């Protein structure tokens, strides 16, 4: 029974991460953060074809899915990709579907 609970937790974590990625706008935001590093919401709005409210909503979903981190800097929030979470999701996908891939080659496009 203990193994079953652990297995379900891994699947739930994987599903939550994939759900958080489950929109083209959120994938674009992750890609932007991967390329640019830390960014404010406004930095992302300036680079992507989305309104500030849309970007804010997507950032919240990515944060809820634990794929990005947020920190306060003066009066702004700065976002960064949580590479450890992305790598863990990548590894879990590979394990779950018996894929063979080199973790060192992880890249969002």
C-alpha atoms as a PDB file:
ATOM      1  CA  UNK A   1       0.000   0.000   0.000  1.00  0.00           C
ATOM      2  CA  UNK A   2       2.810   2.458   0.794  1.00  0.00           C
ATOM      3  CA  UNK A   3       4.303   2.018  -2.676  1.00  0.00           C
ATOM      4  CA  UNK A   4       0.943   2.726  -4.266  1.00  0.00           C
ATOM      5  CA  UNK A   5       0.610   6.037  -2.408  1.00  0.00           C
ATOM      6  CA  UNK A   6       4.117   7.056  -3.454  1.00  0.00           C
ATOM      7  CA  UNK A   7       3.390   6.112  -7.050  1.00  0.00           C
ATOM      8  CA  UNK A   8       0.189   8.126  -7.078  1.00  0.00           C
ATOM      9  CA  UNK A   9       2.024  11.112  -5.610  1.00  0.00           C
ATOM     10  CA  UNK A  10       4.585  10.995  -8.432  1.00  0.00           C
ATOM     11  CA  UNK A  11       1.842  10.817 -11.024  1.00  0.00           C
ATOM     12  CA  UNK A  12      -0.015  13.683  -9.366  1.00  0.00           C
ATOM     13  CA  UNK A  13       3.140  15.813  -9.298  1.00  0.00           C
ATOM     14  CA  UNK A  14       3.839  15.043 -12.951  1.00  0.00           C
ATOM     15  CA  UNK A  15       0.247  15.838 -13.930  1.00  0.00           C
ATOM     16  CA  UNK A  16       0.355  19.134 -12.022  1.00  0.00           C
ATOM     17  CA  UNK A  17       3.532  20.171 -13.833  1.00  0.00           C
ATOM     18  CA  UNK A  18       2.159  19.209 -17.217  1.00  0.00           C
ATOM     19  CA  UNK A  19      -1.114  20.964 -16.482  1.00  0.00           C
ATOM     20  CA  UNK A  20       0.812  24.116 -15.575  1.00  0.00           C
ATOM     21  CA  UNK A  21       2.590  23.894 -18.944  1.00  0.00           C
ATOM     22  CA  UNK A  22      -0.657  23.136 -20.750  1.00  0.00           C
ATOM     23  CA  UNK A  23      -1.070  26.390 -22.668  1.00  0.00           C
ATOM     24  CA  UNK A  24       1.031  27.821 -25.510  1.00  0.00           C
ATOM     25  CA  UNK A  25       1.361  31.111 -23.632  1.00  0.00           C
ATOM     26  CA  UNK A  26       2.820  29.399 -20.567  1.00  0.00           C
ATOM     27  CA  UNK A  27       5.278  27.448 -22.710  1.00  0.00           C
ATOM     28  CA  UNK A  28       6.319  30.734 -24.353  1.00  0.00           C
ATOM     29  CA  UNK A  29       6.829  32.274 -20.908  1.00  0.00           C
ATOM     30  CA  UNK A  30       8.937  29.304 -19.763  1.00  0.00           C
ATOM     31  CA  UNK A  31      10.992  29.528 -22.925  1.00  0.00           C
ATOM     32  CA  UNK A  32      11.497  33.275 -22.415  1.00  0.00           C
ATOM     33  CA  UNK A  33      12.566  32.776 -18.791  1.00  0.00           C
ATOM     34  CA  UNK A  34      14.929  29.976 -19.849  1.00  0.00           C
ATOM     35  CA  UNK A  35      16.584  32.255 -22.412  1.00  0.00           C
ATOM     36  CA  UNK A  36      16.560  35.530 -20.489  1.00  0.00           C
ATOM     37  CA  UNK A  37      16.859  34.495 -16.859  1.00  0.00           C
ATOM     38  CA  UNK A  38      15.057  36.546 -14.216  1.00  0.00           C
ATOM     39  CA  UNK A  39      12.311  38.810 -15.563  1.00  0.00           C
ATOM     40  CA  UNK A  40       9.549  40.995 -14.250  1.00  0.00           C
ATOM     41  CA  UNK A  41       6.019  40.552 -15.499  1.00  0.00           C
ATOM     42  CA  UNK A  42       6.460  43.734 -17.536  1.00  0.00           C
ATOM     43  CA  UNK A  43       9.642  42.338 -19.158  1.00  0.00           C
ATOM     44  CA  UNK A  44       7.609  39.358 -20.343  1.00  0.00           C
ATOM     45  CA  UNK A  45       4.685  41.525 -21.499  1.00  0.00           C
ATOM     46  CA  UNK A  46       7.149  43.630 -23.523  1.00  0.00           C
ATOM     47  CA  UNK A  47       8.472  40.550 -25.334  1.00  0.00           C
ATOM     48  CA  UNK A  48       5.366  38.431 -25.848  1.00  0.00           C
ATOM     49  CA  UNK A  49       2.048  39.206 -27.543  1.00  0.00           C
ATOM     50  CA  UNK A  50      -0.011  39.061 -24.346  1.00  0.00           C
ATOM     51  CA  UNK A  51      -1.600  41.660 -22.119  1.00  0.00           C
ATOM     52  CA  UNK A  52      -0.306  42.276 -18.607  1.00  0.00           C
ATOM     53  CA  UNK A  53      -3.333  40.569 -17.065  1.00  0.00           C
ATOM     54  CA  UNK A  54      -2.901  37.498 -19.290  1.00  0.00           C
ATOM     55  CA  UNK A  55       0.803  37.230 -18.451  1.00  0.00           C
ATOM     56  CA  UNK A  56       0.043  37.640 -14.743  1.00  0.00           C
ATOM     57  CA  UNK A  57      -2.497  34.825 -14.908  1.00  0.00           C
ATOM     58  CA  UNK A  58      -0.098  32.545 -16.720  1.00  0.00           C
ATOM     59  CA  UNK A  59       2.704  33.347 -14.266  1.00  0.00           C
ATOM     60  CA  UNK A  60       0.405  32.447 -11.378  1.00  0.00           C
ATOM     61  CA  UNK A  61      -0.431  29.077 -12.950  1.00  0.00           C
ATOM     62  CA  UNK A  62       3.260  28.359 -13.546  1.00  0.00           C
ATOM     63  CA  UNK A  63       4.010  29.359  -9.964  1.00  0.00           C
ATOM     64  CA  UNK A  64       1.173  27.168  -8.654  1.00  0.00           C
ATOM     65  CA  UNK A  65       2.607  24.306 -10.714  1.00  0.00           C
ATOM     66  CA  UNK A  66       5.981  24.962  -9.061  1.00  0.00           C
ATOM     67  CA  UNK A  67       7.720  25.471 -12.418  1.00  0.00           C
ATOM     68  CA  UNK A  68       8.835  29.028 -11.708  1.00  0.00           C
ATOM     69  CA  UNK A  69      10.004  30.959  -8.673  1.00  0.00           C
ATOM     70  CA  UNK A  70       9.071  34.481  -7.665  1.00  0.00           C
ATOM     71  CA  UNK A  71      10.946  36.924  -5.486  1.00  0.00           C
ATOM     72  CA  UNK A  72      10.208  40.497  -4.517  1.00  0.00           C
ATOM     73  CA  UNK A  73      12.669  43.146  -5.624  1.00  0.00           C
ATOM     74  CA  UNK A  74      11.778  46.624  -4.389  1.00  0.00           C
ATOM     75  CA  UNK A  75       8.216  47.147  -5.616  1.00  0.00           C
ATOM     76  CA  UNK A  76       8.277  44.440  -8.309  1.00  0.00           C
ATOM     77  CA  UNK A  77       8.059  40.694  -8.523  1.00  0.00           C
ATOM     78  CA  UNK A  78      10.820  38.947 -10.433  1.00  0.00           C
ATOM     79  CA  UNK A  79      10.255  35.507 -11.926  1.00  0.00           C
ATOM     80  CA  UNK A  80      12.725  32.788 -12.837  1.00  0.00           C
ATOM     81  CA  UNK A  81      12.426  29.268 -14.103  1.00  0.00           C
ATOM     82  CA  UNK A  82      12.812  26.531 -11.495  1.00  0.00           C
ATOM     83  CA  UNK A  83      15.220  24.370 -13.465  1.00  0.00           C
ATOM     84  CA  UNK A  84      15.224  21.683 -10.760  1.00  0.00           C
ATOM     85  CA  UNK A  85      11.440  21.317 -11.110  1.00  0.00           C
ATOM     86  CA  UNK A  86      11.679  21.217 -14.914  1.00  0.00           C
ATOM     87  CA  UNK A  87      14.427  18.596 -14.760  1.00  0.00           C
ATOM     88  CA  UNK A  88      12.432  16.519 -12.252  1.00  0.00           C
ATOM     89  CA  UNK A  89       9.378  16.648 -14.520  1.00  0.00           C
ATOM     90  CA  UNK A  90      11.535  15.702 -17.492  1.00  0.00           C
ATOM     91  CA  UNK A  91      13.037  12.760 -15.585  1.00  0.00           C
ATOM     92  CA  UNK A  92       9.652  11.578 -14.330  1.00  0.00           C
ATOM     93  CA  UNK A  93       8.242  11.663 -17.861  1.00  0.00           C
ATOM     94  CA  UNK A  94      11.181   9.601 -19.056  1.00  0.00           C
ATOM     95  CA  UNK A  95      10.796   7.098 -16.235  1.00  0.00           C
ATOM     96  CA  UNK A  96       7.037   6.830 -16.592  1.00  0.00           C
ATOM     97  CA  UNK A  97       7.113   6.231 -20.320  1.00  0.00           C
ATOM     98  CA  UNK A  98      10.426   4.364 -20.403  1.00  0.00           C
ATOM     99  CA  UNK A  99      12.045   6.985 -22.602  1.00  0.00           C
ATOM    100  CA  UNK A 100      15.778   7.130 -22.970  1.00  0.00           C
ATOM    101  CA  UNK A 101      17.105  10.658 -23.037  1.00  0.00           C
ATOM    102  CA  UNK A 102      20.171  12.478 -21.831  1.00  0.00           C
ATOM    103  CA  UNK A 103      19.217  14.885 -19.025  1.00  0.00           C
ATOM    104  CA  UNK A 104      22.178  17.049 -19.965  1.00  0.00           C
ATOM    105  CA  UNK A 105      20.467  17.928 -23.228  1.00  0.00           C
ATOM    106  CA  UNK A 106      17.393  19.423 -21.521  1.00  0.00           C
ATOM    107  CA  UNK A 107      16.258  22.479 -23.395  1.00  0.00           C
ATOM    108  CA  UNK A 108      12.934  24.150 -23.978  1.00  0.00           C
ATOM    109  CA  UNK A 109      13.184  24.159 -27.779  1.00  0.00           C
END
